[in-house]
Each structure stands twice: as structure tokens, then as C-alpha cells.
Amino acid sequence: MKSLTLRGLRIFEAAASAGNFSRAAELLELTQPAVSLQIKQLEEEVGTPLFDKQARPIVLTDAGREFLRHARTILAQVRTAEDALASLEGSFKGQLHLGVVSTGHYFAPVLLAAFRRKFPEVRMKLTLGTRDEILAMLGDHRLDIAIAGYPPAQADVEAEAFARHPHCIVAAPDHPLAGASRIEWDELAGEPFLFREAGSATRQFLEHLLQSRSIHVNVSTEFEGTETIKQAVMAGLGITFVSAHAIQTELMANRMVILDVIDMPKLLDWCILTRRDSLLSPVKQAFREFVLAEGVALTQCISAPERHPEVLIQTRSGLTVVPQAAAR
């Protein structure tokens, strides 16, 4: 395979990811015939079809899937080398492609904005997905770094905790339990409970908590997505269990309240995830160190009932809880 080029690998990877030669051409600012010709030359070079072009949309052959795995590894190593060379020349440049689970999008832009203020020449891309999607993309070298909870033990991923991830039970401000103190879990048994869709990490966390307490709740309605279930709570359809990061705007607007349930909030960890088998470029290493050092401050949020008048202020360094009088 003497004529393999980085250009050919990049075109192949783009076509495989897009599942469409025309879309790959748009992303690469090439013509569709140029992409098709490059794929044809690549297939001739490796001696086997990489795409089943009879299928609609086109799909990778078994050989194509195997070649894609190696192509992504090679391209990731090249990007790391390019970033390292740029840093040797005194310019801290490069691209950072961060993957974040959906709940993390409430604070991820704050992290990226703070990082960019330190390193303004770094190009950044943010991709959101489910936990499984983010782990798969990180494993396939389609992401540089990810933010999520702890990965499965068998994942080839290094996980470093940098902040806590509080979850709480919330209701509309006019709910009968709003303002009540020290609510027992048994008192929630008769409340209409709004559940996330099956498979949701938040739902799995709640089900584990209920099972550990042998509590059965009244599952009123099931909703897909955090934003939808928040709207249902504010409409008075019931109470729900949700990440505290997802409700900061609603708390500040007094459209939602946190119920003072005993032994709440429940905490998980936010982790920064990297591949064990890959060296981090200077840009990626800088971001990792930045998140580990600054992540706690930049992910602060209200996660318990406010017993004293407080407000959440957005500052250049993140979210800060201050007394209401001081915010005026």
C-alpha cells in the first residue's frame, strides 16, 4: 500500500462517518466526484471494496469497518503530532474535540469559555450524546476527551473525577410539599412521579435509589429528555428526580423548587475521560489539567432547598451563589 496518503485517509474517514459521499464532500469542501475518485483509488490500493455502494445509504463492508478503525487511530496520532510540533514553535494551537453527556451541556460551555480565555488560539468543538455514544466515540478516536460519569470497568478509558454531580427531587413552586422541611421518602410514595425514558442514566439512578429503600412510587407519566420533563414539572404534572445542573435557570426564575427530602441531594462524580492507549497532545493535556484544577469552581450549582435568600450569579469564572442582598 505504497500510495496511501493522509488526504486519502481523511476523505475515507469523512465518507465513512457521514455515510454519504456528497455530505463528505460538503464537509471537506470538495466535489462529490473528487471524493468518489479518492475512495476508488483507495480501494484499488488496499485491494478490496471498503463500501457497499449498492446499499442506500452506502455502508461499510467488513474490510471497510476494519480499515476505518486503523484510519481513525492514524489520524488521531497525526493530530497529536501536529499539536506537539505547534507547541514547540511557541504557538499553543490545535483543535480540541470534547464529548459531553447530555446533562453536562449545562456547564460545558462555561468550561470551554474559561479555557479559551487562557488559550485563545485553540479551536474547539463540542459534541453531545448519551453515555454509550460518548464512550463509543472516544473509543473510536472520534473525540479527544470526554466528560461523563465513571465508565464501565471494562472500558479502555482513564477516568479522573473533577467535581460532584448532585441530583435532587424538584416540584412546581405551588406544590404542597414546597417549603416543607425534612420530608421522608415515604411521603413521596403517593405523589405523581414523572420518570425519564427507559435507559436514561437519571432514571437508572432513581430506580436504584428506590429499590435500595424498598419504596414504590406512583409513576404518573414517562417523558423523553430533560427539557420535556422540566416543562411537565413546571406545569404541575408531578415531581421528578433530576440533575441539579439542569435546573439552575428555573430555580433562579422561581419556576421550580427543590424539595427538602431527607438524605438528598444524591451525588455522583463528573469525570474527565481519556483513552489509556493514546498520548495526549499539549492542547489536550492542558485542557485535562485545567478541568482537574478549575472544574469544581466552574460547575458549582444550587442543589438543596434555599433556607436563606440567595441567588445564583453568572460571572466570568462560572456560577456563584451569593446572598440576595449582595446581588443587588
C-alpha atoms as a PDB file:
ATOM      1  CA  MET A   1       0.000   0.000   0.000  1.00  0.00           C
ATOM      2  CA  LYS A   2       2.628   2.475  -1.149  1.00  0.00           C
ATOM      3  CA  SER A   3       0.291   5.238  -2.294  1.00  0.00           C
ATOM      4  CA  LEU A   4      -1.775   5.686   0.860  1.00  0.00           C
ATOM      5  CA  THR A   5      -1.871   9.343   1.846  1.00  0.00           C
ATOM      6  CA  LEU A   6      -3.203  11.307   4.798  1.00  0.00           C
ATOM      7  CA  ARG A   7      -5.520  13.092   2.376  1.00  0.00           C
ATOM      8  CA  GLY A   8      -6.966   9.756   1.296  1.00  0.00           C
ATOM      9  CA  LEU A   9      -7.413   8.607   4.881  1.00  0.00           C
ATOM     10  CA  ARG A  10      -9.154  11.851   5.816  1.00  0.00           C
ATOM     11  CA  ILE A  11     -11.541  11.600   2.859  1.00  0.00           C
ATOM     12  CA  PHE A  12     -12.285   7.961   3.653  1.00  0.00           C
ATOM     13  CA  GLU A  13     -12.933   8.727   7.335  1.00  0.00           C
ATOM     14  CA  ALA A  14     -15.231  11.622   6.458  1.00  0.00           C
ATOM     15  CA  ALA A  15     -17.204   9.487   3.983  1.00  0.00           C
ATOM     16  CA  ALA A  16     -17.481   6.622   6.471  1.00  0.00           C
ATOM     17  CA  SER A  17     -18.652   8.933   9.256  1.00  0.00           C
ATOM     18  CA  ALA A  18     -21.168  10.741   7.051  1.00  0.00           C
ATOM     19  CA  GLY A  19     -22.415   7.594   5.309  1.00  0.00           C
ATOM     20  CA  ASN A  20     -22.703   9.696   2.191  1.00  0.00           C
ATOM     21  CA  PHE A  21     -20.117  10.796  -0.358  1.00  0.00           C
ATOM     22  CA  SER A  22     -21.962  14.044  -1.117  1.00  0.00           C
ATOM     23  CA  ARG A  23     -22.134  15.002   2.559  1.00  0.00           C
ATOM     24  CA  ALA A  24     -18.439  14.166   2.993  1.00  0.00           C
ATOM     25  CA  ALA A  25     -17.634  16.390   0.017  1.00  0.00           C
ATOM     26  CA  GLU A  26     -19.524  19.286   1.633  1.00  0.00           C
ATOM     27  CA  LEU A  27     -17.694  18.843   4.933  1.00  0.00           C
ATOM     28  CA  LEU A  28     -14.310  18.720   3.211  1.00  0.00           C
ATOM     29  CA  GLU A  29     -15.157  21.475   0.705  1.00  0.00           C
ATOM     30  CA  LEU A  30     -14.523  19.127  -2.208  1.00  0.00           C
ATOM     31  CA  THR A  31     -16.641  17.989  -5.129  1.00  0.00           C
ATOM     32  CA  GLN A  32     -18.534  14.707  -4.902  1.00  0.00           C
ATOM     33  CA  PRO A  33     -16.650  13.251  -7.934  1.00  0.00           C
ATOM     34  CA  ALA A  34     -13.339  14.063  -6.201  1.00  0.00           C
ATOM     35  CA  VAL A  35     -14.423  12.111  -3.115  1.00  0.00           C
ATOM     36  CA  SER A  36     -15.641   9.182  -5.218  1.00  0.00           C
ATOM     37  CA  LEU A  37     -12.367   9.101  -7.164  1.00  0.00           C
ATOM     38  CA  GLN A  38     -10.306   9.138  -3.975  1.00  0.00           C
ATOM     39  CA  ILE A  39     -12.344   6.281  -2.483  1.00  0.00           C
ATOM     40  CA  LYS A  40     -11.954   4.288  -5.721  1.00  0.00           C
ATOM     41  CA  GLN A  41      -8.184   4.789  -5.686  1.00  0.00           C
ATOM     42  CA  LEU A  42      -8.025   3.797  -2.018  1.00  0.00           C
ATOM     43  CA  GLU A  43      -9.995   0.608  -2.678  1.00  0.00           C
ATOM     44  CA  GLU A  44      -7.692  -0.259  -5.558  1.00  0.00           C
ATOM     45  CA  GLU A  45      -4.701   0.284  -3.315  1.00  0.00           C
ATOM     46  CA  VAL A  46      -5.956  -1.929  -0.463  1.00  0.00           C
ATOM     47  CA  GLY A  47      -7.291  -4.484  -2.941  1.00  0.00           C
ATOM     48  CA  THR A  48     -10.824  -4.805  -1.597  1.00  0.00           C
ATOM     49  CA  PRO A  49     -14.093  -2.814  -1.543  1.00  0.00           C
ATOM     50  CA  LEU A  50     -14.439  -0.590   1.507  1.00  0.00           C
ATOM     51  CA  PHE A  51     -18.035   0.460   0.827  1.00  0.00           C
ATOM     52  CA  ASP A  52     -21.104  -1.452  -0.348  1.00  0.00           C
ATOM     53  CA  LYS A  53     -22.201   1.076  -2.927  1.00  0.00           C
ATOM     54  CA  GLN A  54     -25.326  -0.872  -3.830  1.00  0.00           C
ATOM     55  CA  ALA A  55     -26.818  -0.191  -0.427  1.00  0.00           C
ATOM     56  CA  ARG A  56     -28.773   3.014   0.187  1.00  0.00           C
ATOM     57  CA  PRO A  57     -27.421   4.705   2.158  1.00  0.00           C
ATOM     58  CA  ILE A  58     -23.965   3.296   1.454  1.00  0.00           C
ATOM     59  CA  VAL A  59     -22.473   1.177   4.199  1.00  0.00           C
ATOM     60  CA  LEU A  60     -19.006  -0.066   5.036  1.00  0.00           C
ATOM     61  CA  THR A  61     -18.000  -3.597   4.185  1.00  0.00           C
ATOM     62  CA  ASP A  62     -16.335  -5.756   6.858  1.00  0.00           C
ATOM     63  CA  ALA A  63     -12.978  -4.697   5.393  1.00  0.00           C
ATOM     64  CA  GLY A  64     -14.127  -1.076   5.454  1.00  0.00           C
ATOM     65  CA  ARG A  65     -15.032  -1.230   9.141  1.00  0.00           C
ATOM     66  CA  GLU A  66     -11.645  -2.727   9.996  1.00  0.00           C
ATOM     67  CA  PHE A  67      -9.813  -0.164   7.844  1.00  0.00           C
ATOM     68  CA  LEU A  68     -11.794   2.667   9.450  1.00  0.00           C
ATOM     69  CA  ARG A  69     -10.649   1.620  12.912  1.00  0.00           C
ATOM     70  CA  HIS A  70      -7.000   1.861  11.857  1.00  0.00           C
ATOM     71  CA  ALA A  71      -7.538   5.057   9.851  1.00  0.00           C
ATOM     72  CA  ARG A  72      -9.002   6.839  12.878  1.00  0.00           C
ATOM     73  CA  THR A  73      -6.085   5.718  15.042  1.00  0.00           C
ATOM     74  CA  ILE A  74      -3.574   7.003  12.491  1.00  0.00           C
ATOM     75  CA  LEU A  75      -5.354  10.341  12.053  1.00  0.00           C
ATOM     76  CA  ALA A  76      -5.599  10.841  15.813  1.00  0.00           C
ATOM     77  CA  GLN A  77      -1.849  10.247  16.147  1.00  0.00           C
ATOM     78  CA  VAL A  78      -1.157  12.696  13.326  1.00  0.00           C
ATOM     79  CA  ARG A  79      -3.273  15.390  15.037  1.00  0.00           C
ATOM     80  CA  THR A  80      -1.362  14.788  18.267  1.00  0.00           C
ATOM     81  CA  ALA A  81       1.945  15.147  16.427  1.00  0.00           C
ATOM     82  CA  GLU A  82       0.781  18.346  14.691  1.00  0.00           C
ATOM     83  CA  ASP A  83      -0.266  19.879  18.020  1.00  0.00           C
ATOM     84  CA  ALA A  84       3.054  18.889  19.612  1.00  0.00           C
ATOM     85  CA  LEU A  85       5.043  20.473  16.770  1.00  0.00           C
ATOM     86  CA  ALA A  86       2.988  23.660  17.008  1.00  0.00           C
ATOM     87  CA  SER A  87       3.744  23.919  20.716  1.00  0.00           C
ATOM     88  CA  LEU A  88       7.483  23.536  20.023  1.00  0.00           C
ATOM     89  CA  GLU A  89       7.256  26.523  17.695  1.00  0.00           C
ATOM     90  CA  GLY A  90       5.902  28.583  20.578  1.00  0.00           C
ATOM     91  CA  SER A  91       2.290  28.769  19.401  1.00  0.00           C
ATOM     92  CA  PHE A  92      -0.172  26.900  21.541  1.00  0.00           C
ATOM     93  CA  LYS A  93      -2.530  25.858  18.765  1.00  0.00           C
ATOM     94  CA  GLY A  94      -4.533  22.814  17.797  1.00  0.00           C
ATOM     95  CA  GLN A  95      -8.075  21.529  17.988  1.00  0.00           C
ATOM     96  CA  LEU A  96      -9.887  20.122  20.983  1.00  0.00           C
ATOM     97  CA  HIS A  97     -12.922  17.930  20.293  1.00  0.00           C
ATOM     98  CA  LEU A  98     -14.772  17.453  23.569  1.00  0.00           C
ATOM     99  CA  GLY A  99     -17.605  14.984  24.023  1.00  0.00           C
ATOM    100  CA  VAL A 100     -20.087  15.511  26.853  1.00  0.00           C
ATOM    101  CA  VAL A 101     -23.099  13.534  28.051  1.00  0.00           C
ATOM    102  CA  SER A 102     -26.320  15.474  27.601  1.00  0.00           C
ATOM    103  CA  THR A 103     -26.633  16.728  31.194  1.00  0.00           C
ATOM    104  CA  GLY A 104     -23.131  18.159  31.001  1.00  0.00           C
ATOM    105  CA  HIS A 105     -24.111  20.646  28.315  1.00  0.00           C
ATOM    106  CA  TYR A 106     -25.483  22.912  31.062  1.00  0.00           C
ATOM    107  CA  PHE A 107     -21.927  23.695  32.218  1.00  0.00           C
ATOM    108  CA  ALA A 108     -19.606  22.522  29.404  1.00  0.00           C
ATOM    109  CA  PRO A 109     -19.726  25.884  27.567  1.00  0.00           C
ATOM    110  CA  VAL A 110     -18.565  27.585  30.783  1.00  0.00           C
ATOM    111  CA  LEU A 111     -15.547  25.249  30.909  1.00  0.00           C
ATOM    112  CA  LEU A 112     -14.723  25.857  27.250  1.00  0.00           C
ATOM    113  CA  ALA A 113     -15.090  29.630  27.575  1.00  0.00           C
ATOM    114  CA  ALA A 114     -12.776  29.740  30.580  1.00  0.00           C
ATOM    115  CA  PHE A 115     -10.223  27.523  28.807  1.00  0.00           C
ATOM    116  CA  ARG A 116     -10.338  29.658  25.682  1.00  0.00           C
ATOM    117  CA  ARG A 117      -9.535  32.765  27.718  1.00  0.00           C
ATOM    118  CA  LYS A 118      -6.258  31.061  28.651  1.00  0.00           C
ATOM    119  CA  PHE A 119      -5.584  29.631  25.186  1.00  0.00           C
ATOM    120  CA  PRO A 120      -7.393  31.785  22.620  1.00  0.00           C
ATOM    121  CA  GLU A 121      -5.803  30.109  19.571  1.00  0.00           C
ATOM    122  CA  VAL A 122      -7.182  26.652  20.314  1.00  0.00           C
ATOM    123  CA  ARG A 123     -10.066  25.591  18.051  1.00  0.00           C
ATOM    124  CA  MET A 124     -12.816  23.817  19.968  1.00  0.00           C
ATOM    125  CA  LYS A 125     -15.675  21.519  19.060  1.00  0.00           C
ATOM    126  CA  LEU A 126     -18.349  20.211  21.429  1.00  0.00           C
ATOM    127  CA  THR A 127     -20.364  17.049  20.774  1.00  0.00           C
ATOM    128  CA  LEU A 128     -23.260  15.892  22.956  1.00  0.00           C
ATOM    129  CA  GLY A 129     -24.552  12.339  23.252  1.00  0.00           C
ATOM    130  CA  THR A 130     -25.696   9.588  25.539  1.00  0.00           C
ATOM    131  CA  ARG A 131     -23.168   7.931  27.798  1.00  0.00           C
ATOM    132  CA  ASP A 132     -22.829   4.953  25.448  1.00  0.00           C
ATOM    133  CA  GLU A 133     -22.464   7.204  22.397  1.00  0.00           C
ATOM    134  CA  ILE A 134     -19.766   9.330  24.021  1.00  0.00           C
ATOM    135  CA  LEU A 135     -17.800   6.280  25.177  1.00  0.00           C
ATOM    136  CA  ALA A 136     -18.043   4.726  21.706  1.00  0.00           C
ATOM    137  CA  MET A 137     -16.835   7.921  20.024  1.00  0.00           C
ATOM    138  CA  LEU A 138     -13.930   8.223  22.456  1.00  0.00           C
ATOM    139  CA  GLY A 139     -13.038   4.591  21.808  1.00  0.00           C
ATOM    140  CA  ASP A 140     -13.084   5.172  18.038  1.00  0.00           C
ATOM    141  CA  HIS A 141     -10.792   8.233  18.247  1.00  0.00           C
ATOM    142  CA  ARG A 142     -13.657  10.489  17.159  1.00  0.00           C
ATOM    143  CA  LEU A 143     -13.267  12.517  20.363  1.00  0.00           C
ATOM    144  CA  ASP A 144     -10.130  13.812  22.068  1.00  0.00           C
ATOM    145  CA  ILE A 145     -11.517  13.964  25.608  1.00  0.00           C
ATOM    146  CA  ALA A 146     -14.914  13.321  27.169  1.00  0.00           C
ATOM    147  CA  ILE A 147     -16.845  14.388  30.256  1.00  0.00           C
ATOM    148  CA  ALA A 148     -19.256  11.893  31.800  1.00  0.00           C
ATOM    149  CA  GLY A 149     -19.657   9.707  34.864  1.00  0.00           C
ATOM    150  CA  TYR A 150     -17.431   6.731  35.574  1.00  0.00           C
ATOM    151  CA  PRO A 151     -17.229   4.380  32.565  1.00  0.00           C
ATOM    152  CA  PRO A 152     -17.800   0.609  32.777  1.00  0.00           C
ATOM    153  CA  ALA A 153     -14.878  -1.260  34.330  1.00  0.00           C
ATOM    154  CA  GLN A 154     -14.078  -2.976  31.039  1.00  0.00           C
ATOM    155  CA  ALA A 155     -13.774   0.268  29.056  1.00  0.00           C
ATOM    156  CA  ASP A 156     -10.250   1.137  27.899  1.00  0.00           C
ATOM    157  CA  VAL A 157     -10.661   4.610  29.383  1.00  0.00           C
ATOM    158  CA  GLU A 158      -8.927   6.536  32.142  1.00  0.00           C
ATOM    159  CA  ALA A 159     -11.446   8.348  34.382  1.00  0.00           C
ATOM    160  CA  GLU A 160     -10.473  11.171  36.755  1.00  0.00           C
ATOM    161  CA  ALA A 161     -13.133  12.771  38.954  1.00  0.00           C
ATOM    162  CA  PHE A 162     -13.084  16.569  38.992  1.00  0.00           C
ATOM    163  CA  ALA A 163     -16.448  17.633  40.507  1.00  0.00           C
ATOM    164  CA  ARG A 164     -19.574  16.290  42.148  1.00  0.00           C
ATOM    165  CA  HIS A 165     -22.804  15.762  40.213  1.00  0.00           C
ATOM    166  CA  PRO A 166     -25.778  16.389  42.537  1.00  0.00           C
ATOM    167  CA  HIS A 167     -29.282  15.054  41.846  1.00  0.00           C
ATOM    168  CA  CYS A 168     -32.390  16.233  43.667  1.00  0.00           C
ATOM    169  CA  ILE A 169     -36.175  15.971  43.692  1.00  0.00           C
ATOM    170  CA  VAL A 170     -37.985  19.018  42.329  1.00  0.00           C
ATOM    171  CA  ALA A 171     -41.540  20.303  42.084  1.00  0.00           C
ATOM    172  CA  ALA A 172     -43.503  23.339  40.966  1.00  0.00           C
ATOM    173  CA  PRO A 173     -43.354  26.267  43.455  1.00  0.00           C
ATOM    174  CA  ASP A 174     -47.029  25.816  44.432  1.00  0.00           C
ATOM    175  CA  HIS A 175     -46.647  22.105  45.212  1.00  0.00           C
ATOM    176  CA  PRO A 176     -47.974  21.150  48.698  1.00  0.00           C
ATOM    177  CA  LEU A 177     -44.538  19.890  49.753  1.00  0.00           C
ATOM    178  CA  ALA A 178     -42.707  23.027  48.596  1.00  0.00           C
ATOM    179  CA  GLY A 179     -41.233  24.666  51.686  1.00  0.00           C
ATOM    180  CA  ALA A 180     -41.740  21.593  53.882  1.00  0.00           C
ATOM    181  CA  SER A 181     -38.734  20.514  55.957  1.00  0.00           C
ATOM    182  CA  ARG A 182     -37.186  17.082  56.328  1.00  0.00           C
ATOM    183  CA  ILE A 183     -39.541  15.228  54.001  1.00  0.00           C
ATOM    184  CA  GLU A 184     -39.454  11.455  54.486  1.00  0.00           C
ATOM    185  CA  TRP A 185     -39.132   9.263  51.425  1.00  0.00           C
ATOM    186  CA  ASP A 186     -42.363   7.504  52.406  1.00  0.00           C
ATOM    187  CA  GLU A 187     -44.191  10.814  51.980  1.00  0.00           C
ATOM    188  CA  LEU A 188     -43.326  10.731  48.278  1.00  0.00           C
ATOM    189  CA  ALA A 189     -44.949   7.349  47.669  1.00  0.00           C
ATOM    190  CA  GLY A 190     -48.334   8.810  46.746  1.00  0.00           C
ATOM    191  CA  GLU A 191     -47.009  11.722  44.702  1.00  0.00           C
ATOM    192  CA  PRO A 192     -47.359  11.594  40.905  1.00  0.00           C
ATOM    193  CA  PHE A 193     -43.769  10.902  39.855  1.00  0.00           C
ATOM    194  CA  LEU A 194     -42.512  11.852  36.406  1.00  0.00           C
ATOM    195  CA  PHE A 195     -39.944   9.409  35.056  1.00  0.00           C
ATOM    196  CA  ARG A 196     -37.380   9.769  32.310  1.00  0.00           C
ATOM    197  CA  GLU A 197     -37.495   7.298  29.434  1.00  0.00           C
ATOM    198  CA  ALA A 198     -36.265   3.718  29.897  1.00  0.00           C
ATOM    199  CA  GLY A 199     -32.494   3.510  29.515  1.00  0.00           C
ATOM    200  CA  SER A 200     -31.885   7.036  30.794  1.00  0.00           C
ATOM    201  CA  ALA A 201     -28.970   7.217  33.251  1.00  0.00           C
ATOM    202  CA  THR A 202     -31.028   9.522  35.505  1.00  0.00           C
ATOM    203  CA  ARG A 203     -33.868   7.009  35.577  1.00  0.00           C
ATOM    204  CA  GLN A 204     -31.486   4.150  36.350  1.00  0.00           C
ATOM    205  CA  PHE A 205     -30.034   6.162  39.230  1.00  0.00           C
ATOM    206  CA  LEU A 206     -33.521   6.872  40.636  1.00  0.00           C
ATOM    207  CA  GLU A 207     -34.661   3.266  40.282  1.00  0.00           C
ATOM    208  CA  HIS A 208     -31.559   2.140  42.171  1.00  0.00           C
ATOM    209  CA  LEU A 209     -32.332   4.593  44.993  1.00  0.00           C
ATOM    210  CA  LEU A 210     -35.972   3.499  45.243  1.00  0.00           C
ATOM    211  CA  GLN A 211     -35.039  -0.177  45.188  1.00  0.00           C
ATOM    212  CA  SER A 212     -32.444   0.306  47.931  1.00  0.00           C
ATOM    213  CA  ARG A 213     -35.204   1.807  50.131  1.00  0.00           C
ATOM    214  CA  SER A 214     -37.903  -0.668  49.069  1.00  0.00           C
ATOM    215  CA  ILE A 215     -40.086   2.302  48.053  1.00  0.00           C
ATOM    216  CA  HIS A 216     -42.754   2.143  45.357  1.00  0.00           C
ATOM    217  CA  VAL A 217     -43.781   5.457  43.831  1.00  0.00           C
ATOM    218  CA  ASN A 218     -46.703   6.437  41.675  1.00  0.00           C
ATOM    219  CA  VAL A 219     -45.202   6.603  38.175  1.00  0.00           C
ATOM    220  CA  SER A 220     -47.545   9.142  36.650  1.00  0.00           C
ATOM    221  CA  THR A 221     -46.011   9.797  33.244  1.00  0.00           C
ATOM    222  CA  GLU A 222     -42.848   8.992  31.309  1.00  0.00           C
ATOM    223  CA  PHE A 223     -41.052  11.692  29.326  1.00  0.00           C
ATOM    224  CA  GLU A 224     -38.127  11.646  26.943  1.00  0.00           C
ATOM    225  CA  GLY A 225     -35.467  14.240  27.606  1.00  0.00           C
ATOM    226  CA  THR A 226     -34.603  16.566  30.460  1.00  0.00           C
ATOM    227  CA  GLU A 227     -36.145  19.686  28.918  1.00  0.00           C
ATOM    228  CA  THR A 228     -39.513  17.999  28.384  1.00  0.00           C
ATOM    229  CA  ILE A 229     -39.712  16.653  31.907  1.00  0.00           C
ATOM    230  CA  LYS A 230     -38.816  20.086  33.341  1.00  0.00           C
ATOM    231  CA  GLN A 231     -41.710  21.637  31.461  1.00  0.00           C
ATOM    232  CA  ALA A 232     -44.013  18.955  32.878  1.00  0.00           C
ATOM    233  CA  VAL A 233     -42.892  19.707  36.439  1.00  0.00           C
ATOM    234  CA  MET A 234     -43.464  23.442  35.973  1.00  0.00           C
ATOM    235  CA  ALA A 235     -46.918  22.685  34.561  1.00  0.00           C
ATOM    236  CA  GLY A 236     -47.803  20.902  37.807  1.00  0.00           C
ATOM    237  CA  LEU A 237     -47.979  17.357  36.429  1.00  0.00           C
ATOM    238  CA  GLY A 238     -45.846  15.945  39.231  1.00  0.00           C
ATOM    239  CA  ILE A 239     -42.412  15.790  40.826  1.00  0.00           C
ATOM    240  CA  THR A 240     -39.233  14.343  39.405  1.00  0.00           C
ATOM    241  CA  PHE A 241     -35.642  13.374  40.128  1.00  0.00           C
ATOM    242  CA  VAL A 242     -33.184  15.410  38.083  1.00  0.00           C
ATOM    243  CA  SER A 243     -29.595  16.598  37.832  1.00  0.00           C
ATOM    244  CA  ALA A 244     -29.176  19.866  39.702  1.00  0.00           C
ATOM    245  CA  HIS A 245     -27.138  21.257  36.800  1.00  0.00           C
ATOM    246  CA  ALA A 246     -30.229  21.067  34.593  1.00  0.00           C
ATOM    247  CA  ILE A 247     -32.478  23.283  36.715  1.00  0.00           C
ATOM    248  CA  GLN A 248     -30.420  26.337  37.633  1.00  0.00           C
ATOM    249  CA  THR A 249     -32.271  28.723  35.311  1.00  0.00           C
ATOM    250  CA  GLU A 250     -35.666  27.522  36.582  1.00  0.00           C
ATOM    251  CA  LEU A 251     -34.579  27.913  40.215  1.00  0.00           C
ATOM    252  CA  MET A 252     -33.383  31.467  39.623  1.00  0.00           C
ATOM    253  CA  ALA A 253     -36.690  32.305  37.916  1.00  0.00           C
ATOM    254  CA  ASN A 254     -38.673  30.713  40.786  1.00  0.00           C
ATOM    255  CA  ARG A 255     -40.391  28.368  38.352  1.00  0.00           C
ATOM    256  CA  MET A 256     -39.207  25.261  40.173  1.00  0.00           C
ATOM    257  CA  VAL A 257     -38.153  24.381  43.728  1.00  0.00           C
ATOM    258  CA  ILE A 258     -36.007  21.692  45.275  1.00  0.00           C
ATOM    259  CA  LEU A 259     -37.866  19.587  47.835  1.00  0.00           C
ATOM    260  CA  ASP A 260     -36.157  19.150  51.190  1.00  0.00           C
ATOM    261  CA  VAL A 261     -36.069  15.361  51.120  1.00  0.00           C
ATOM    262  CA  ILE A 262     -34.031  13.580  53.796  1.00  0.00           C
ATOM    263  CA  ASP A 263     -30.655  12.298  52.599  1.00  0.00           C
ATOM    264  CA  MET A 264     -30.703  14.447  49.487  1.00  0.00           C
ATOM    265  CA  PRO A 265     -29.115  15.539  47.208  1.00  0.00           C
ATOM    266  CA  LYS A 266     -27.591  12.341  45.919  1.00  0.00           C
ATOM    267  CA  LEU A 267     -24.136  12.726  44.460  1.00  0.00           C
ATOM    268  CA  LEU A 268     -22.323  11.143  41.558  1.00  0.00           C
ATOM    269  CA  ASP A 269     -18.968  12.226  40.138  1.00  0.00           C
ATOM    270  CA  TRP A 270     -18.195  14.152  36.977  1.00  0.00           C
ATOM    271  CA  CYS A 271     -15.131  12.644  35.355  1.00  0.00           C
ATOM    272  CA  ILE A 272     -12.791  13.658  32.578  1.00  0.00           C
ATOM    273  CA  LEU A 273     -12.205  10.644  30.333  1.00  0.00           C
ATOM    274  CA  THR A 274      -9.190   9.894  28.148  1.00  0.00           C
ATOM    275  CA  ARG A 275      -8.055   6.812  26.246  1.00  0.00           C
ATOM    276  CA  ARG A 276      -5.445   4.716  28.048  1.00  0.00           C
ATOM    277  CA  ASP A 277      -3.681   3.799  24.802  1.00  0.00           C
ATOM    278  CA  SER A 278      -3.201   7.339  23.474  1.00  0.00           C
ATOM    279  CA  LEU A 279      -0.729  10.078  24.285  1.00  0.00           C
ATOM    280  CA  LEU A 280      -2.293  13.454  24.951  1.00  0.00           C
ATOM    281  CA  SER A 281      -1.127  16.363  22.823  1.00  0.00           C
ATOM    282  CA  PRO A 282      -0.074  19.559  24.655  1.00  0.00           C
ATOM    283  CA  VAL A 283      -3.520  21.072  23.979  1.00  0.00           C
ATOM    284  CA  LYS A 284      -5.405  18.064  25.322  1.00  0.00           C
ATOM    285  CA  GLN A 285      -3.100  17.745  28.320  1.00  0.00           C
ATOM    286  CA  ALA A 286      -3.600  21.431  29.090  1.00  0.00           C
ATOM    287  CA  PHE A 287      -7.377  21.004  28.974  1.00  0.00           C
ATOM    288  CA  ARG A 288      -7.223  17.942  31.221  1.00  0.00           C
ATOM    289  CA  GLU A 289      -5.120  19.804  33.797  1.00  0.00           C
ATOM    290  CA  PHE A 290      -7.386  22.855  33.551  1.00  0.00           C
ATOM    291  CA  VAL A 291     -10.543  20.837  34.248  1.00  0.00           C
ATOM    292  CA  LEU A 292      -8.944  18.977  37.150  1.00  0.00           C
ATOM    293  CA  ALA A 293      -7.829  22.284  38.693  1.00  0.00           C
ATOM    294  CA  GLU A 294     -10.809  24.521  37.900  1.00  0.00           C
ATOM    295  CA  GLY A 295     -13.688  22.093  37.417  1.00  0.00           C
ATOM    296  CA  VAL A 296     -15.099  22.324  40.936  1.00  0.00           C
ATOM    297  CA  ALA A 297     -15.429  26.114  40.798  1.00  0.00           C
ATOM    298  CA  LEU A 298     -16.840  26.153  37.262  1.00  0.00           C
ATOM    299  CA  THR A 299     -19.546  23.541  37.947  1.00  0.00           C
ATOM    300  CA  GLN A 300     -20.990  24.995  41.154  1.00  0.00           C
ATOM    301  CA  CYS A 301     -24.761  24.915  41.337  1.00  0.00           C
ATOM    302  CA  ILE A 302     -27.668  25.084  43.782  1.00  0.00           C
ATOM    303  CA  SER A 303     -28.574  21.539  44.812  1.00  0.00           C
ATOM    304  CA  ALA A 304     -30.537  21.939  48.057  1.00  0.00           C
ATOM    305  CA  PRO A 305     -33.536  23.999  49.239  1.00  0.00           C
ATOM    306  CA  GLU A 306     -32.585  27.606  49.912  1.00  0.00           C
ATOM    307  CA  ARG A 307     -33.245  28.352  53.551  1.00  0.00           C
ATOM    308  CA  HIS A 308     -31.736  31.816  53.216  1.00  0.00           C
ATOM    309  CA  PRO A 309     -32.434  34.243  50.386  1.00  0.00           C
ATOM    310  CA  GLU A 310     -29.745  33.538  47.821  1.00  0.00           C
ATOM    311  CA  VAL A 311     -29.324  33.985  44.118  1.00  0.00           C
ATOM    312  CA  LEU A 312     -27.090  32.385  41.522  1.00  0.00           C
ATOM    313  CA  ILE A 313     -24.848  34.851  39.715  1.00  0.00           C
ATOM    314  CA  GLN A 314     -23.158  34.123  36.384  1.00  0.00           C
ATOM    315  CA  THR A 315     -19.608  35.501  36.476  1.00  0.00           C
ATOM    316  CA  ARG A 316     -16.658  35.119  34.115  1.00  0.00           C
ATOM    317  CA  SER A 317     -15.342  32.350  36.348  1.00  0.00           C
ATOM    318  CA  GLY A 318     -18.606  30.432  36.479  1.00  0.00           C
ATOM    319  CA  LEU A 319     -21.712  30.256  38.643  1.00  0.00           C
ATOM    320  CA  THR A 320     -21.544  31.662  42.161  1.00  0.00           C
ATOM    321  CA  VAL A 321     -24.158  31.521  44.925  1.00  0.00           C
ATOM    322  CA  VAL A 322     -24.346  34.803  46.879  1.00  0.00           C
ATOM    323  CA  PRO A 323     -26.747  36.308  49.444  1.00  0.00           C
ATOM    324  CA  GLN A 324     -29.602  38.118  47.760  1.00  0.00           C
ATOM    325  CA  ALA A 325     -28.675  41.405  49.396  1.00  0.00           C
ATOM    326  CA  ALA A 326     -25.166  41.225  47.959  1.00  0.00           C
ATOM    327  CA  ALA A 327     -26.510  40.687  44.456  1.00  0.00           C
ATOM    328  CA  ARG A 328     -28.457  43.948  44.373  1.00  0.00           C
END
